[in-house]
Amino acid sequence: MAEVSKEDLLVYVTEEDKAIARGINFSRFRFENVDLPAFLLAPVAIHTHFQSKGLGQELIRFGLSQLKSLGVALVFTYGDINFYSRTGFQQIKEAQIKAPLPLTYPEGWMALNLKEEPIPNIAGNTICVSPIAKPGYW
């Protein structure tokens, strides 16, 4: 992520006993045909000593509130439906908004509208930052 410009990346971490306990990255997400502020949540990580305590969801909520304060409209993620749905993400189909690369598990494609409106249909390709634009992540 070192090559990603600062305005395209938000990173939040917390420390416990001088070690990183949890961390989350949000990176710019763009649409081919629409100018709409959006970010992709990936990755989020919680040290094994701190898992199953709600700290991941707490960190996601904090990050989402920061994005909302910056005027971001949409946030996307690709992962565990049961985990991310707890913070408001909902499954979407690629017919609604296409993922930047082919999805291995299409049911894990999720979005959240921070404007508290329905997720719009947006035609065309999407673009994520280059470090995440690798087939192995999708």
C-alpha atoms as a PDB file:
ATOM      1  CA  MET A   1       0.000   0.000   0.000  1.00  0.00           C
ATOM      2  CA  ALA A   2       3.041   2.291   0.152  1.00  0.00           C
ATOM      3  CA  GLU A   3       2.495   3.370  -3.472  1.00  0.00           C
ATOM      4  CA  VAL A   4      -1.135   4.422  -2.870  1.00  0.00           C
ATOM      5  CA  SER A   5      -1.597   8.187  -2.505  1.00  0.00           C
ATOM      6  CA  LYS A   6      -2.573   9.433   0.958  1.00  0.00           C
ATOM      7  CA  GLU A   7      -5.963  10.730  -0.190  1.00  0.00           C
ATOM      8  CA  ASP A   8      -6.808   7.252  -1.512  1.00  0.00           C
ATOM      9  CA  LEU A   9      -6.012   5.333   1.682  1.00  0.00           C
ATOM     10  CA  LEU A  10      -7.256   5.457   5.273  1.00  0.00           C
ATOM     11  CA  VAL A  11      -5.638   3.146   7.829  1.00  0.00           C
ATOM     12  CA  TYR A  12      -6.646   2.764  11.458  1.00  0.00           C
ATOM     13  CA  VAL A  13      -4.874   0.619  14.072  1.00  0.00           C
ATOM     14  CA  THR A  14      -5.024   0.160  17.819  1.00  0.00           C
ATOM     15  CA  GLU A  15      -2.245  -1.011  20.099  1.00  0.00           C
ATOM     16  CA  GLU A  16      -2.233  -3.111  23.245  1.00  0.00           C
ATOM     17  CA  ASP A  17       0.999  -3.556  25.199  1.00  0.00           C
ATOM     18  CA  LYS A  18       3.028  -1.886  22.412  1.00  0.00           C
ATOM     19  CA  ALA A  19       1.774  -4.337  19.779  1.00  0.00           C
ATOM     20  CA  ILE A  20      -0.837  -3.829  17.066  1.00  0.00           C
ATOM     21  CA  ALA A  21      -4.067  -5.407  18.285  1.00  0.00           C
ATOM     22  CA  ARG A  22      -6.262  -4.593  15.292  1.00  0.00           C
ATOM     23  CA  GLY A  23      -6.121  -2.772  12.019  1.00  0.00           C
ATOM     24  CA  ILE A  24      -8.274  -1.797   9.088  1.00  0.00           C
ATOM     25  CA  ASN A  25      -7.653  -0.346   5.626  1.00  0.00           C
ATOM     26  CA  PHE A  26     -10.039   1.627   3.462  1.00  0.00           C
ATOM     27  CA  SER A  27      -8.875   2.370  -0.076  1.00  0.00           C
ATOM     28  CA  ARG A  28     -10.416   4.468  -2.842  1.00  0.00           C
ATOM     29  CA  PHE A  29     -12.926   2.702  -5.073  1.00  0.00           C
ATOM     30  CA  ARG A  30     -13.871   4.280  -8.399  1.00  0.00           C
ATOM     31  CA  PHE A  31     -16.574   3.852 -10.992  1.00  0.00           C
ATOM     32  CA  GLU A  32     -15.961   3.995 -14.719  1.00  0.00           C
ATOM     33  CA  ASN A  33     -19.058   6.057 -15.484  1.00  0.00           C
ATOM     34  CA  VAL A  34     -20.001   7.838 -12.250  1.00  0.00           C
ATOM     35  CA  ASP A  35     -18.207  10.300  -9.978  1.00  0.00           C
ATOM     36  CA  LEU A  36     -19.325   9.119  -6.539  1.00  0.00           C
ATOM     37  CA  PRO A  37     -17.073   9.042  -3.449  1.00  0.00           C
ATOM     38  CA  ALA A  38     -16.523   5.402  -2.486  1.00  0.00           C
ATOM     39  CA  PHE A  39     -14.020   3.241  -0.619  1.00  0.00           C
ATOM     40  CA  LEU A  40     -13.250  -0.459  -0.303  1.00  0.00           C
ATOM     41  CA  LEU A  41     -12.780  -1.984   3.144  1.00  0.00           C
ATOM     42  CA  ALA A  42      -9.917  -4.480   2.879  1.00  0.00           C
ATOM     43  CA  PRO A  43      -8.316  -5.854   4.871  1.00  0.00           C
ATOM     44  CA  VAL A  44      -9.400  -5.850   8.481  1.00  0.00           C
ATOM     45  CA  ALA A  45      -7.336  -7.887  10.938  1.00  0.00           C
ATOM     46  CA  ILE A  46      -7.613  -8.619  14.638  1.00  0.00           C
ATOM     47  CA  HIS A  47      -4.785 -10.241  16.609  1.00  0.00           C
ATOM     48  CA  THR A  48      -5.847 -13.710  17.788  1.00  0.00           C
ATOM     49  CA  HIS A  49      -5.673 -12.626  21.463  1.00  0.00           C
ATOM     50  CA  PHE A  50      -8.352 -10.010  20.799  1.00  0.00           C
ATOM     51  CA  GLN A  51     -10.756 -11.909  18.538  1.00  0.00           C
ATOM     52  CA  SER A  52     -14.380 -12.738  19.425  1.00  0.00           C
ATOM     53  CA  LYS A  53     -14.717  -9.630  21.604  1.00  0.00           C
ATOM     54  CA  GLY A  54     -16.469  -7.375  19.085  1.00  0.00           C
ATOM     55  CA  LEU A  55     -13.314  -5.317  18.508  1.00  0.00           C
ATOM     56  CA  GLY A  56     -13.348  -5.871  14.738  1.00  0.00           C
ATOM     57  CA  GLN A  57     -16.898  -4.606  14.437  1.00  0.00           C
ATOM     58  CA  GLU A  58     -16.067  -1.675  16.715  1.00  0.00           C
ATOM     59  CA  LEU A  59     -13.117  -0.736  14.499  1.00  0.00           C
ATOM     60  CA  ILE A  60     -15.220  -1.052  11.340  1.00  0.00           C
ATOM     61  CA  ARG A  61     -17.893   1.216  12.820  1.00  0.00           C
ATOM     62  CA  PHE A  62     -15.232   3.762  13.747  1.00  0.00           C
ATOM     63  CA  GLY A  63     -13.789   3.672  10.217  1.00  0.00           C
ATOM     64  CA  LEU A  64     -17.230   4.012   8.657  1.00  0.00           C
ATOM     65  CA  SER A  65     -17.983   7.055  10.816  1.00  0.00           C
ATOM     66  CA  GLN A  66     -14.715   8.645   9.651  1.00  0.00           C
ATOM     67  CA  LEU A  67     -15.610   7.978   6.004  1.00  0.00           C
ATOM     68  CA  LYS A  68     -19.095   9.408   6.518  1.00  0.00           C
ATOM     69  CA  SER A  69     -17.617  12.585   8.006  1.00  0.00           C
ATOM     70  CA  LEU A  70     -15.491  12.909   4.842  1.00  0.00           C
ATOM     71  CA  GLY A  71     -18.592  12.747   2.627  1.00  0.00           C
ATOM     72  CA  VAL A  72     -18.040   9.215   1.336  1.00  0.00           C
ATOM     73  CA  ALA A  73     -21.249   7.746  -0.060  1.00  0.00           C
ATOM     74  CA  LEU A  74     -20.550   4.055  -0.635  1.00  0.00           C
ATOM     75  CA  VAL A  75     -18.304   1.481   1.019  1.00  0.00           C
ATOM     76  CA  PHE A  76     -17.678  -1.993  -0.390  1.00  0.00           C
ATOM     77  CA  THR A  77     -16.153  -5.156   0.970  1.00  0.00           C
ATOM     78  CA  TYR A  78     -15.731  -8.755  -0.078  1.00  0.00           C
ATOM     79  CA  GLY A  79     -15.876 -11.350   2.630  1.00  0.00           C
ATOM     80  CA  ASP A  80     -17.844 -13.125   5.323  1.00  0.00           C
ATOM     81  CA  ILE A  81     -21.508 -12.177   5.033  1.00  0.00           C
ATOM     82  CA  ASN A  82     -22.241 -13.004   8.671  1.00  0.00           C
ATOM     83  CA  PHE A  83     -19.421 -10.779   9.937  1.00  0.00           C
ATOM     84  CA  TYR A  84     -19.846  -7.719   7.717  1.00  0.00           C
ATOM     85  CA  SER A  85     -23.657  -7.693   7.846  1.00  0.00           C
ATOM     86  CA  ARG A  86     -23.360  -6.914  11.578  1.00  0.00           C
ATOM     87  CA  THR A  87     -22.000  -3.489  10.652  1.00  0.00           C
ATOM     88  CA  GLY A  88     -24.673  -2.717   8.051  1.00  0.00           C
ATOM     89  CA  PHE A  89     -23.184  -4.182   4.876  1.00  0.00           C
ATOM     90  CA  GLN A  90     -25.598  -5.981   2.587  1.00  0.00           C
ATOM     91  CA  GLN A  91     -25.023  -8.423  -0.214  1.00  0.00           C
ATOM     92  CA  ILE A  92     -25.193  -7.023  -3.711  1.00  0.00           C
ATOM     93  CA  LYS A  93     -25.096  -8.634  -7.133  1.00  0.00           C
ATOM     94  CA  GLU A  94     -22.583  -7.733  -9.783  1.00  0.00           C
ATOM     95  CA  ALA A  95     -25.498  -6.779 -12.015  1.00  0.00           C
ATOM     96  CA  GLN A  96     -26.033  -3.922  -9.552  1.00  0.00           C
ATOM     97  CA  ILE A  97     -22.376  -2.864  -9.136  1.00  0.00           C
ATOM     98  CA  LYS A  98     -19.579  -4.842 -10.722  1.00  0.00           C
ATOM     99  CA  ALA A  99     -16.559  -5.929  -8.682  1.00  0.00           C
ATOM    100  CA  PRO A 100     -13.173  -4.844 -10.066  1.00  0.00           C
ATOM    101  CA  LEU A 101     -12.073  -8.457 -10.688  1.00  0.00           C
ATOM    102  CA  PRO A 102     -13.886 -11.803 -11.082  1.00  0.00           C
ATOM    103  CA  LEU A 103     -15.245 -13.026  -7.742  1.00  0.00           C
ATOM    104  CA  THR A 104     -14.471 -16.488  -6.427  1.00  0.00           C
ATOM    105  CA  TYR A 105     -17.433 -16.275  -4.023  1.00  0.00           C
ATOM    106  CA  PRO A 106     -19.985 -13.826  -5.516  1.00  0.00           C
ATOM    107  CA  GLU A 107     -22.147 -14.044  -2.388  1.00  0.00           C
ATOM    108  CA  GLY A 108     -19.400 -12.201  -0.469  1.00  0.00           C
ATOM    109  CA  TRP A 109     -19.712  -8.995  -2.552  1.00  0.00           C
ATOM    110  CA  MET A 110     -21.220  -6.413  -0.183  1.00  0.00           C
ATOM    111  CA  ALA A 111     -21.941  -2.700   0.029  1.00  0.00           C
ATOM    112  CA  LEU A 112     -23.076  -0.075   2.500  1.00  0.00           C
ATOM    113  CA  ASN A 113     -24.560   3.311   1.634  1.00  0.00           C
ATOM    114  CA  LEU A 114     -23.392   5.813   4.257  1.00  0.00           C
ATOM    115  CA  LYS A 115     -26.085   8.243   3.078  1.00  0.00           C
ATOM    116  CA  GLU A 116     -28.665   5.748   4.416  1.00  0.00           C
ATOM    117  CA  GLU A 117     -30.256   5.334   0.995  1.00  0.00           C
ATOM    118  CA  PRO A 118     -30.720   2.201  -1.111  1.00  0.00           C
ATOM    119  CA  ILE A 119     -27.595   0.937  -2.874  1.00  0.00           C
ATOM    120  CA  PRO A 120     -27.852   2.334  -6.421  1.00  0.00           C
ATOM    121  CA  ASN A 121     -27.377   0.426  -9.654  1.00  0.00           C
ATOM    122  CA  ILE A 122     -24.159   1.649 -11.269  1.00  0.00           C
ATOM    123  CA  ALA A 123     -23.297   0.403 -14.751  1.00  0.00           C
ATOM    124  CA  GLY A 124     -19.753  -0.063 -15.996  1.00  0.00           C
ATOM    125  CA  ASN A 125     -16.473  -1.239 -14.590  1.00  0.00           C
ATOM    126  CA  THR A 126     -15.063  -0.398 -11.175  1.00  0.00           C
ATOM    127  CA  ILE A 127     -11.477   0.260 -10.174  1.00  0.00           C
ATOM    128  CA  CYS A 128      -9.689  -0.433  -6.904  1.00  0.00           C
ATOM    129  CA  VAL A 129      -6.167   0.586  -5.906  1.00  0.00           C
ATOM    130  CA  SER A 130      -3.447  -1.480  -7.585  1.00  0.00           C
ATOM    131  CA  PRO A 131      -2.215  -3.423  -4.503  1.00  0.00           C
ATOM    132  CA  ILE A 132      -5.701  -4.925  -4.131  1.00  0.00           C
ATOM    133  CA  ALA A 133      -6.254  -5.450  -7.873  1.00  0.00           C
ATOM    134  CA  LYS A 134      -4.882  -8.983  -7.761  1.00  0.00           C
ATOM    135  CA  PRO A 135      -6.957 -12.058  -8.652  1.00  0.00           C
ATOM    136  CA  GLY A 136      -5.929 -13.903  -5.480  1.00  0.00           C
ATOM    137  CA  TYR A 137      -7.831 -11.415  -3.334  1.00  0.00           C
ATOM    138  CA  TRP A 138     -11.060 -11.830  -5.264  1.00  0.00           C
END
